[in-house]
C-alpha atoms as a PDB file:
ATOM      1  CA  UNK A   1       0.118  -0.026  -0.104  1.00  0.00           C
ATOM      2  CA  UNK A   2       1.031   3.426  -0.574  1.00  0.00           C
ATOM      3  CA  UNK A   3       1.344   6.097   2.049  1.00  0.00           C
ATOM      4  CA  UNK A   4      -2.127   7.744   0.796  1.00  0.00           C
ATOM      5  CA  UNK A   5      -4.257   4.261   0.734  1.00  0.00           C
ATOM      6  CA  UNK A   6      -2.161   3.239   4.503  1.00  0.00           C
ATOM      7  CA  UNK A   7      -4.052   6.855   5.527  1.00  0.00           C
ATOM      8  CA  UNK A   8      -6.992   6.228   3.897  1.00  0.00           C
ATOM      9  CA  UNK A   9      -7.574   2.840   5.621  1.00  0.00           C
ATOM     10  CA  UNK A  10      -6.471   4.059   8.554  1.00  0.00           C
ATOM     11  CA  UNK A  11      -8.687   6.867   8.829  1.00  0.00           C
ATOM     12  CA  UNK A  12     -11.997   4.485   7.965  1.00  0.00           C
ATOM     13  CA  UNK A  13     -10.707   1.496  10.639  1.00  0.00           C
ATOM     14  CA  UNK A  14      -9.597   4.321  12.954  1.00  0.00           C
ATOM     15  CA  UNK A  15     -12.919   5.688  12.946  1.00  0.00           C
ATOM     16  CA  UNK A  16     -15.022   2.166  13.381  1.00  0.00           C
ATOM     17  CA  UNK A  17     -12.643   0.705  16.092  1.00  0.00           C
ATOM     18  CA  UNK A  18     -12.563   3.725  18.512  1.00  0.00           C
ATOM     19  CA  UNK A  19     -16.196   4.015  18.626  1.00  0.00           C
ATOM     20  CA  UNK A  20     -16.263  -0.241  18.832  1.00  0.00           C
ATOM     21  CA  UNK A  21     -13.777  -0.337  21.944  1.00  0.00           C
ATOM     22  CA  UNK A  22     -16.127   2.303  23.721  1.00  0.00           C
ATOM     23  CA  UNK A  23     -19.107   0.325  23.115  1.00  0.00           C
ATOM     24  CA  UNK A  24     -18.826  -1.454  26.067  1.00  0.00           C
ATOM     25  CA  UNK A  25     -18.187   1.380  28.165  1.00  0.00           C
ATOM     26  CA  UNK A  26     -20.623   4.232  26.400  1.00  0.00           C
ATOM     27  CA  UNK A  27     -22.190   6.860  28.317  1.00  0.00           C
ATOM     28  CA  UNK A  28     -21.015   5.709  31.819  1.00  0.00           C
ATOM     29  CA  UNK A  29     -20.077   8.803  33.538  1.00  0.00           C
ATOM     30  CA  UNK A  30     -18.854   7.840  36.895  1.00  0.00           C
ATOM     31  CA  UNK A  31     -14.914   6.870  35.718  1.00  0.00           C
ATOM     32  CA  UNK A  32     -14.323   5.372  39.191  1.00  0.00           C
ATOM     33  CA  UNK A  33     -16.977   2.701  38.340  1.00  0.00           C
ATOM     34  CA  UNK A  34     -15.639   2.221  34.784  1.00  0.00           C
ATOM     35  CA  UNK A  35     -12.153   1.361  35.678  1.00  0.00           C
ATOM     36  CA  UNK A  36     -13.325  -0.594  38.781  1.00  0.00           C
ATOM     37  CA  UNK A  37     -15.482  -2.994  36.612  1.00  0.00           C
ATOM     38  CA  UNK A  38     -14.131  -3.259  33.425  1.00  0.00           C
ATOM     39  CA  UNK A  39     -10.203  -2.162  34.016  1.00  0.00           C
ATOM     40  CA  UNK A  40      -8.120  -0.660  31.052  1.00  0.00           C
ATOM     41  CA  UNK A  41     -10.311  -0.673  28.183  1.00  0.00           C
ATOM     42  CA  UNK A  42      -7.876  -2.150  25.105  1.00  0.00           C
ATOM     43  CA  UNK A  43     -10.045  -4.982  23.834  1.00  0.00           C
ATOM     44  CA  UNK A  44     -13.944  -4.442  22.739  1.00  0.00           C
ATOM     45  CA  UNK A  45     -16.525  -5.289  25.068  1.00  0.00           C
ATOM     46  CA  UNK A  46     -19.787  -6.601  25.335  1.00  0.00           C
ATOM     47  CA  UNK A  47     -22.524  -4.017  26.428  1.00  0.00           C
ATOM     48  CA  UNK A  48     -24.029  -5.460  29.626  1.00  0.00           C
ATOM     49  CA  UNK A  49     -28.107  -5.698  30.263  1.00  0.00           C
ATOM     50  CA  UNK A  50     -28.051  -2.551  32.118  1.00  0.00           C
ATOM     51  CA  UNK A  51     -26.561  -0.569  29.179  1.00  0.00           C
ATOM     52  CA  UNK A  52     -27.688   1.694  26.433  1.00  0.00           C
ATOM     53  CA  UNK A  53     -27.288  -1.193  24.045  1.00  0.00           C
ATOM     54  CA  UNK A  54     -28.235  -4.578  25.371  1.00  0.00           C
ATOM     55  CA  UNK A  55     -28.282  -6.213  22.337  1.00  0.00           C
ATOM     56  CA  UNK A  56     -25.165  -5.705  21.157  1.00  0.00           C
ATOM     57  CA  UNK A  57     -22.234  -7.599  20.944  1.00  0.00           C
ATOM     58  CA  UNK A  58     -18.080  -7.099  21.220  1.00  0.00           C
ATOM     59  CA  UNK A  59     -16.570  -5.757  18.144  1.00  0.00           C
ATOM     60  CA  UNK A  60     -20.161  -3.660  17.004  1.00  0.00           C
ATOM     61  CA  UNK A  61     -20.683  -0.495  16.807  1.00  0.00           C
ATOM     62  CA  UNK A  62     -22.899   2.190  18.689  1.00  0.00           C
ATOM     63  CA  UNK A  63     -25.757   3.559  17.550  1.00  0.00           C
ATOM     64  CA  UNK A  64     -23.863   6.548  15.870  1.00  0.00           C
ATOM     65  CA  UNK A  65     -21.626   4.014  14.231  1.00  0.00           C
ATOM     66  CA  UNK A  66     -24.441   2.237  12.799  1.00  0.00           C
ATOM     67  CA  UNK A  67     -25.562   5.458  10.775  1.00  0.00           C
ATOM     68  CA  UNK A  68     -22.066   5.637   9.795  1.00  0.00           C
ATOM     69  CA  UNK A  69     -22.152   1.793   8.933  1.00  0.00           C
ATOM     70  CA  UNK A  70     -25.453   2.701   6.541  1.00  0.00           C
ATOM     71  CA  UNK A  71     -23.775   5.405   5.102  1.00  0.00           C
ATOM     72  CA  UNK A  72     -20.458   3.213   4.320  1.00  0.00           C
ATOM     73  CA  UNK A  73     -23.019   0.276   2.709  1.00  0.00           C
ATOM     74  CA  UNK A  74     -24.922   3.022   0.346  1.00  0.00           C
ATOM     75  CA  UNK A  75     -20.994   4.239  -0.832  1.00  0.00           C
ATOM     76  CA  UNK A  76     -20.619   0.763  -1.457  1.00  0.00           C
ATOM     77  CA  UNK A  77     -23.316  -0.107  -3.259  1.00  0.00           C
ATOM     78  CA  UNK A  78     -23.422   3.428  -5.410  1.00  0.00           C
ATOM     79  CA  UNK A  79     -19.821   4.441  -5.571  1.00  0.00           C
ATOM     80  CA  UNK A  80     -21.189   8.072  -5.361  1.00  0.00           C
ATOM     81  CA  UNK A  81     -22.683  10.732  -2.944  1.00  0.00           C
ATOM     82  CA  UNK A  82     -25.931  12.097  -2.998  1.00  0.00           C
ATOM     83  CA  UNK A  83     -27.534  13.325  -0.185  1.00  0.00           C
ATOM     84  CA  UNK A  84     -31.286  12.709  -0.892  1.00  0.00           C
ATOM     85  CA  UNK A  85     -30.563   8.916  -2.221  1.00  0.00           C
ATOM     86  CA  UNK A  86     -28.515   8.290   0.708  1.00  0.00           C
ATOM     87  CA  UNK A  87     -31.443  10.017   3.264  1.00  0.00           C
ATOM     88  CA  UNK A  88     -33.414   6.693   1.739  1.00  0.00           C
ATOM     89  CA  UNK A  89     -31.480   4.055   3.264  1.00  0.00           C
ATOM     90  CA  UNK A  90     -31.115   6.227   6.337  1.00  0.00           C
ATOM     91  CA  UNK A  91     -34.790   6.316   6.765  1.00  0.00           C
ATOM     92  CA  UNK A  92     -35.143   2.647   5.701  1.00  0.00           C
ATOM     93  CA  UNK A  93     -33.268   1.318   8.886  1.00  0.00           C
ATOM     94  CA  UNK A  94     -35.417   2.496  11.449  1.00  0.00           C
ATOM     95  CA  UNK A  95     -38.269   0.694  11.467  1.00  0.00           C
ATOM     96  CA  UNK A  96     -36.679  -2.315  12.429  1.00  0.00           C
ATOM     97  CA  UNK A  97     -33.664  -0.758  14.120  1.00  0.00           C
ATOM     98  CA  UNK A  98     -33.275  -2.687  18.002  1.00  0.00           C
ATOM     99  CA  UNK A  99     -30.848  -0.361  19.565  1.00  0.00           C
ATOM    100  CA  UNK A 100     -30.700   3.131  20.866  1.00  0.00           C
ATOM    101  CA  UNK A 101     -33.016   6.351  19.160  1.00  0.00           C
ATOM    102  CA  UNK A 102     -30.778   9.501  19.769  1.00  0.00           C
ATOM    103  CA  UNK A 103     -32.575  12.746  20.190  1.00  0.00           C
ATOM    104  CA  UNK A 104     -31.495  14.030  16.502  1.00  0.00           C
ATOM    105  CA  UNK A 105     -33.186  11.135  14.929  1.00  0.00           C
ATOM    106  CA  UNK A 106     -36.095  11.297  16.537  1.00  0.00           C
ATOM    107  CA  UNK A 107     -36.422  14.736  15.866  1.00  0.00           C
ATOM    108  CA  UNK A 108     -35.282  14.024  11.903  1.00  0.00           C
ATOM    109  CA  UNK A 109     -38.278  11.093  11.332  1.00  0.00           C
ATOM    110  CA  UNK A 110     -40.998  13.633  13.433  1.00  0.00           C
ATOM    111  CA  UNK A 111     -40.347  16.121  10.518  1.00  0.00           C
ATOM    112  CA  UNK A 112     -41.438  13.398   7.997  1.00  0.00           C
ATOM    113  CA  UNK A 113     -45.040  14.751   8.960  1.00  0.00           C
ATOM    114  CA  UNK A 114     -43.667  18.076   7.927  1.00  0.00           C
ATOM    115  CA  UNK A 115     -43.815  17.739   4.067  1.00  0.00           C
ATOM    116  CA  UNK A 116     -40.417  18.673   3.855  1.00  0.00           C
ATOM    117  CA  UNK A 117     -38.180  17.368   1.353  1.00  0.00           C
ATOM    118  CA  UNK A 118     -35.595  14.747   2.808  1.00  0.00           C
ATOM    119  CA  UNK A 119     -32.709  16.973   2.555  1.00  0.00           C
ATOM    120  CA  UNK A 120     -34.819  19.279   4.825  1.00  0.00           C
ATOM    121  CA  UNK A 121     -35.630  16.951   7.591  1.00  0.00           C
ATOM    122  CA  UNK A 122     -32.852  17.776   9.960  1.00  0.00           C
ATOM    123  CA  UNK A 123     -33.069  18.600  13.692  1.00  0.00           C
ATOM    124  CA  UNK A 124     -31.627  21.595  15.106  1.00  0.00           C
ATOM    125  CA  UNK A 125     -29.156  19.596  17.276  1.00  0.00           C
ATOM    126  CA  UNK A 126     -25.518  20.406  18.381  1.00  0.00           C
ATOM    127  CA  UNK A 127     -24.244  17.092  19.255  1.00  0.00           C
ATOM    128  CA  UNK A 128     -21.264  15.849  17.881  1.00  0.00           C
ATOM    129  CA  UNK A 129     -23.290  12.729  16.290  1.00  0.00           C
ATOM    130  CA  UNK A 130     -23.752  13.986  13.242  1.00  0.00           C
ATOM    131  CA  UNK A 131     -20.205  15.199  12.151  1.00  0.00           C
ATOM    132  CA  UNK A 132     -18.915  12.150  13.487  1.00  0.00           C
ATOM    133  CA  UNK A 133     -20.153   9.836  10.682  1.00  0.00           C
ATOM    134  CA  UNK A 134     -18.100  11.119   7.737  1.00  0.00           C
ATOM    135  CA  UNK A 135     -15.634   8.673   7.838  1.00  0.00           C
ATOM    136  CA  UNK A 136     -16.472   6.769   5.077  1.00  0.00           C
ATOM    137  CA  UNK A 137     -17.657   9.649   2.792  1.00  0.00           C
ATOM    138  CA  UNK A 138     -14.351  11.369   3.550  1.00  0.00           C
ATOM    139  CA  UNK A 139     -12.471   7.957   2.160  1.00  0.00           C
ATOM    140  CA  UNK A 140     -14.891   7.570  -0.787  1.00  0.00           C
ATOM    141  CA  UNK A 141     -13.433  11.574  -1.629  1.00  0.00           C
ATOM    142  CA  UNK A 142     -10.166  11.351  -0.364  1.00  0.00           C
ATOM    143  CA  UNK A 143      -8.591  11.840  -4.135  1.00  0.00           C
ATOM    144  CA  UNK A 144     -10.680  14.535  -5.423  1.00  0.00           C
ATOM    145  CA  UNK A 145     -11.020  17.993  -4.995  1.00  0.00           C
ATOM    146  CA  UNK A 146     -11.242  19.113  -0.734  1.00  0.00           C
ATOM    147  CA  UNK A 147     -13.968  20.925  -1.768  1.00  0.00           C
ATOM    148  CA  UNK A 148     -15.899  18.518  -3.015  1.00  0.00           C
ATOM    149  CA  UNK A 149     -14.978  16.125   0.149  1.00  0.00           C
ATOM    150  CA  UNK A 150     -15.940  19.005   2.556  1.00  0.00           C
ATOM    151  CA  UNK A 151     -19.288  20.128   0.762  1.00  0.00           C
ATOM    152  CA  UNK A 152     -20.189  16.129   1.178  1.00  0.00           C
ATOM    153  CA  UNK A 153     -19.077  16.234   4.548  1.00  0.00           C
ATOM    154  CA  UNK A 154     -21.481  19.181   5.602  1.00  0.00           C
ATOM    155  CA  UNK A 155     -24.547  17.786   3.525  1.00  0.00           C
ATOM    156  CA  UNK A 156     -24.419  14.640   5.423  1.00  0.00           C
ATOM    157  CA  UNK A 157     -24.123  16.075   8.846  1.00  0.00           C
ATOM    158  CA  UNK A 158     -27.085  18.523   8.413  1.00  0.00           C
ATOM    159  CA  UNK A 159     -29.408  15.479   7.119  1.00  0.00           C
ATOM    160  CA  UNK A 160     -30.073  14.745  10.729  1.00  0.00           C
ATOM    161  CA  UNK A 161     -27.934  17.875  12.823  1.00  0.00           C
ATOM    162  CA  UNK A 162     -28.613  21.105  10.796  1.00  0.00           C
ATOM    163  CA  UNK A 163     -27.314  23.220  13.527  1.00  0.00           C
ATOM    164  CA  UNK A 164     -24.448  26.185  13.164  1.00  0.00           C
ATOM    165  CA  UNK A 165     -22.011  23.933  15.756  1.00  0.00           C
ATOM    166  CA  UNK A 166     -22.516  21.087  13.781  1.00  0.00           C
ATOM    167  CA  UNK A 167     -21.904  22.318  10.302  1.00  0.00           C
ATOM    168  CA  UNK A 168     -18.873  24.102  11.718  1.00  0.00           C
ATOM    169  CA  UNK A 169     -17.651  20.993  13.200  1.00  0.00           C
ATOM    170  CA  UNK A 170     -18.096  18.952   9.795  1.00  0.00           C
ATOM    171  CA  UNK A 171     -16.476  21.341   7.962  1.00  0.00           C
ATOM    172  CA  UNK A 172     -13.166  21.141   9.884  1.00  0.00           C
ATOM    173  CA  UNK A 173     -12.886  17.714  10.440  1.00  0.00           C
ATOM    174  CA  UNK A 174     -13.637  17.197   7.101  1.00  0.00           C
ATOM    175  CA  UNK A 175     -10.671  19.860   6.030  1.00  0.00           C
ATOM    176  CA  UNK A 176      -8.527  18.194   8.576  1.00  0.00           C
ATOM    177  CA  UNK A 177      -8.852  14.770   7.861  1.00  0.00           C
ATOM    178  CA  UNK A 178      -8.175  15.735   3.744  1.00  0.00           C
ATOM    179  CA  UNK A 179      -4.826  17.280   4.807  1.00  0.00           C
ATOM    180  CA  UNK A 180      -3.751  14.922   7.201  1.00  0.00           C
ATOM    181  CA  UNK A 181      -4.642  11.730   4.209  1.00  0.00           C
ATOM    182  CA  UNK A 182      -2.225  14.113   1.969  1.00  0.00           C
ATOM    183  CA  UNK A 183       0.525  13.531   4.575  1.00  0.00           C
ATOM    184  CA  UNK A 184       0.268  16.880   6.242  1.00  0.00           C
ATOM    185  CA  UNK A 185       1.456  16.969  10.261  1.00  0.00           C
ATOM    186  CA  UNK A 186      -1.587  16.669  12.774  1.00  0.00           C
ATOM    187  CA  UNK A 187      -0.003  19.418  14.906  1.00  0.00           C
ATOM    188  CA  UNK A 188      -0.138  21.935  12.155  1.00  0.00           C
ATOM    189  CA  UNK A 189      -3.233  20.870  10.319  1.00  0.00           C
ATOM    190  CA  UNK A 190      -5.419  21.539  14.056  1.00  0.00           C
ATOM    191  CA  UNK A 191      -3.684  24.827  14.039  1.00  0.00           C
ATOM    192  CA  UNK A 192      -4.732  25.526  10.995  1.00  0.00           C
ATOM    193  CA  UNK A 193      -8.264  24.543  10.742  1.00  0.00           C
ATOM    194  CA  UNK A 194      -9.705  23.804  14.217  1.00  0.00           C
ATOM    195  CA  UNK A 195     -12.463  26.250  15.540  1.00  0.00           C
ATOM    196  CA  UNK A 196     -10.077  28.598  17.790  1.00  0.00           C
ATOM    197  CA  UNK A 197     -12.716  28.306  20.691  1.00  0.00           C
ATOM    198  CA  UNK A 198     -12.259  24.556  20.612  1.00  0.00           C
ATOM    199  CA  UNK A 199      -8.540  24.525  20.230  1.00  0.00           C
ATOM    200  CA  UNK A 200      -7.803  26.905  22.980  1.00  0.00           C
ATOM    201  CA  UNK A 201     -10.214  24.994  25.059  1.00  0.00           C
ATOM    202  CA  UNK A 202      -8.473  21.846  23.963  1.00  0.00           C
ATOM    203  CA  UNK A 203      -4.511  23.523  24.472  1.00  0.00           C
ATOM    204  CA  UNK A 204      -5.773  24.873  28.121  1.00  0.00           C
ATOM    205  CA  UNK A 205      -6.236  21.571  29.829  1.00  0.00           C
ATOM    206  CA  UNK A 206      -3.031  19.593  27.819  1.00  0.00           C
ATOM    207  CA  UNK A 207      -0.902  19.533  30.997  1.00  0.00           C
ATOM    208  CA  UNK A 208      -3.871  16.969  32.542  1.00  0.00           C
ATOM    209  CA  UNK A 209      -3.993  13.581  32.710  1.00  0.00           C
ATOM    210  CA  UNK A 210      -6.788  11.988  30.081  1.00  0.00           C
ATOM    211  CA  UNK A 211      -9.469  11.212  32.877  1.00  0.00           C
ATOM    212  CA  UNK A 212      -9.862  15.362  34.656  1.00  0.00           C
ATOM    213  CA  UNK A 213      -8.836  16.897  31.242  1.00  0.00           C
ATOM    214  CA  UNK A 214     -12.108  15.637  29.271  1.00  0.00           C
ATOM    215  CA  UNK A 215     -13.904  16.081  32.429  1.00  0.00           C
ATOM    216  CA  UNK A 216     -13.310  19.392  32.525  1.00  0.00           C
ATOM    217  CA  UNK A 217     -13.934  20.018  28.950  1.00  0.00           C
ATOM    218  CA  UNK A 218     -17.308  18.224  29.693  1.00  0.00           C
ATOM    219  CA  UNK A 219     -18.329  14.363  29.042  1.00  0.00           C
ATOM    220  CA  UNK A 220     -21.697  14.893  27.194  1.00  0.00           C
ATOM    221  CA  UNK A 221     -22.744  14.951  23.806  1.00  0.00           C
ATOM    222  CA  UNK A 222     -22.803  18.553  22.912  1.00  0.00           C
ATOM    223  CA  UNK A 223     -19.734  19.839  20.563  1.00  0.00           C
ATOM    224  CA  UNK A 224     -19.015  22.616  22.496  1.00  0.00           C
ATOM    225  CA  UNK A 225     -17.955  20.040  24.938  1.00  0.00           C
ATOM    226  CA  UNK A 226     -16.936  16.709  22.800  1.00  0.00           C
ATOM    227  CA  UNK A 227     -14.828  19.154  20.411  1.00  0.00           C
ATOM    228  CA  UNK A 228     -12.603  20.170  22.907  1.00  0.00           C
ATOM    229  CA  UNK A 229     -11.997  16.606  23.885  1.00  0.00           C
ATOM    230  CA  UNK A 230     -11.273  15.231  20.650  1.00  0.00           C
ATOM    231  CA  UNK A 231      -8.824  17.691  20.160  1.00  0.00           C
ATOM    232  CA  UNK A 232      -7.513  17.220  23.202  1.00  0.00           C
ATOM    233  CA  UNK A 233      -6.870  13.586  22.820  1.00  0.00           C
ATOM    234  CA  UNK A 234      -5.390  14.405  19.086  1.00  0.00           C
ATOM    235  CA  UNK A 235      -2.892  16.824  20.564  1.00  0.00           C
ATOM    236  CA  UNK A 236      -2.012  14.570  23.495  1.00  0.00           C
ATOM    237  CA  UNK A 237      -1.546  11.230  22.213  1.00  0.00           C
ATOM    238  CA  UNK A 238      -0.876  12.451  17.974  1.00  0.00           C
ATOM    239  CA  UNK A 239       1.688   9.773  17.813  1.00  0.00           C
ATOM    240  CA  UNK A 240       0.130   6.485  19.715  1.00  0.00           C
ATOM    241  CA  UNK A 241      -3.225   5.925  18.372  1.00  0.00           C
ATOM    242  CA  UNK A 242      -3.715   2.477  20.104  1.00  0.00           C
ATOM    243  CA  UNK A 243      -3.540   4.988  23.974  1.00  0.00           C
ATOM    244  CA  UNK A 244      -5.904   7.664  22.386  1.00  0.00           C
ATOM    245  CA  UNK A 245      -8.148   5.386  21.719  1.00  0.00           C
ATOM    246  CA  UNK A 246      -7.971   3.559  24.660  1.00  0.00           C
ATOM    247  CA  UNK A 247      -8.017   7.343  27.435  1.00  0.00           C
ATOM    248  CA  UNK A 248     -10.976   8.415  25.387  1.00  0.00           C
ATOM    249  CA  UNK A 249     -13.126   4.961  26.842  1.00  0.00           C
ATOM    250  CA  UNK A 250     -11.451   5.331  29.794  1.00  0.00           C
ATOM    251  CA  UNK A 251     -12.512   9.078  30.096  1.00  0.00           C
ATOM    252  CA  UNK A 252     -16.591   8.007  29.822  1.00  0.00           C
ATOM    253  CA  UNK A 253     -19.584   9.555  28.843  1.00  0.00           C
ATOM    254  CA  UNK A 254     -19.894  10.067  25.110  1.00  0.00           C
ATOM    255  CA  UNK A 255     -16.788   8.498  24.203  1.00  0.00           C
ATOM    256  CA  UNK A 256     -18.537   6.723  21.178  1.00  0.00           C
ATOM    257  CA  UNK A 257     -18.920   9.982  19.242  1.00  0.00           C
ATOM    258  CA  UNK A 258     -15.627  11.323  20.337  1.00  0.00           C
ATOM    259  CA  UNK A 259     -14.257   7.951  19.175  1.00  0.00           C
ATOM    260  CA  UNK A 260     -15.749   8.437  15.643  1.00  0.00           C
ATOM    261  CA  UNK A 261     -14.119  11.975  15.120  1.00  0.00           C
ATOM    262  CA  UNK A 262     -10.910  10.701  16.888  1.00  0.00           C
ATOM    263  CA  UNK A 263     -10.486   7.681  15.374  1.00  0.00           C
ATOM    264  CA  UNK A 264     -10.449   9.791  11.842  1.00  0.00           C
ATOM    265  CA  UNK A 265      -7.749  12.182  12.630  1.00  0.00           C
ATOM    266  CA  UNK A 266      -5.718   9.839  14.090  1.00  0.00           C
ATOM    267  CA  UNK A 267      -6.154   6.914  11.653  1.00  0.00           C
ATOM    268  CA  UNK A 268      -5.526   9.353   9.027  1.00  0.00           C
ATOM    269  CA  UNK A 269      -2.848  10.853  10.610  1.00  0.00           C
ATOM    270  CA  UNK A 270      -0.874   7.486  11.472  1.00  0.00           C
ATOM    271  CA  UNK A 271      -2.179   5.056   9.254  1.00  0.00           C
ATOM    272  CA  UNK A 272      -3.905   1.541   9.148  1.00  0.00           C
ATOM    273  CA  UNK A 273      -0.283  -0.370  10.430  1.00  0.00           C
ATOM    274  CA  UNK A 274      -1.190   2.198  14.124  1.00  0.00           C
ATOM    275  CA  UNK A 275      -4.270  -0.133  14.576  1.00  0.00           C
ATOM    276  CA  UNK A 276      -3.891  -3.079  16.634  1.00  0.00           C
ATOM    277  CA  UNK A 277      -4.413  -6.115  14.383  1.00  0.00           C
ATOM    278  CA  UNK A 278      -7.009  -7.687  17.017  1.00  0.00           C
ATOM    279  CA  UNK A 279      -9.201  -4.587  16.724  1.00  0.00           C
ATOM    280  CA  UNK A 280      -9.092  -5.196  13.168  1.00  0.00           C
ATOM    281  CA  UNK A 281      -9.881  -8.329  13.153  1.00  0.00           C
ATOM    282  CA  UNK A 282     -12.323  -8.673  15.719  1.00  0.00           C
ATOM    283  CA  UNK A 283     -14.281  -5.495  14.222  1.00  0.00           C
ATOM    284  CA  UNK A 284     -17.547  -6.885  13.377  1.00  0.00           C
ATOM    285  CA  UNK A 285     -18.007  -4.328  10.186  1.00  0.00           C
ATOM    286  CA  UNK A 286     -14.484  -4.878   8.790  1.00  0.00           C
ATOM    287  CA  UNK A 287     -16.251  -6.553   5.712  1.00  0.00           C
ATOM    288  CA  UNK A 288     -18.251  -3.967   5.101  1.00  0.00           C
ATOM    289  CA  UNK A 289     -15.505  -1.210   5.782  1.00  0.00           C
ATOM    290  CA  UNK A 290     -12.698  -3.702   3.297  1.00  0.00           C
ATOM    291  CA  UNK A 291     -15.479  -3.269   0.185  1.00  0.00           C
ATOM    292  CA  UNK A 292     -15.246   0.565   0.506  1.00  0.00           C
ATOM    293  CA  UNK A 293     -11.286   0.750   0.786  1.00  0.00           C
ATOM    294  CA  UNK A 294     -11.448  -1.859  -2.111  1.00  0.00           C
ATOM    295  CA  UNK A 295     -13.020   1.050  -4.438  1.00  0.00           C
END
């Protein structure tokens, strides 16, 4: 594989493996409880019956990762990005879906009763989940113009998360990932592409260990909390992808959404060789992701 091909595969598999690593401890806000029950998170865990994902098994994706996987499957089938056509696929997964429905999904589906077009249904959610799903579209469009990839990332996001914060985060993640895919340095890339407000928050806690740093930034879903945490972890562990993914999981809260974004950035920066082989081989979605990489 060329360096570009390794980075492209790293971006895609990094996003999905980081999400799967956090699934077993998703939305646990008490980090003492998390560490006492699971120890250090460096492998996949099956979520417990009392979790938000009681029917999932180790190596699966969270509910946001499932939407990213839906996007991957659409792109494998069609070989192109088109917002309306993808939205038909996205809507089709919900009647038989047996995992968690987040607020943005519920609001977007409810908007179907208002007579809007498929690209106008998006909620006003400012959670990181929307822009965090873009790894497949970035992988597909990685060798085309940056403007095309950024526009597709924004379109994907606003289908369900139509807020200024979500658009800003999607544009940042797309620009940063594109530049990293083409060999840019991660520190320089984040300096020039990240929203200054988020980067400043991340830098302010760089001297702290991950659990207190992410707790100070905020453990919950909104971009105002989650994006600085992603930047902190990206800067703190920029050359150590496995450590970054594990520390993100250990920090608790909405670690799955953070994981999807963090995995893109560090996967694109470090390439597929940085992702542990066990994580790749035990990832349930691996055959689906391989199909996109082969395009």
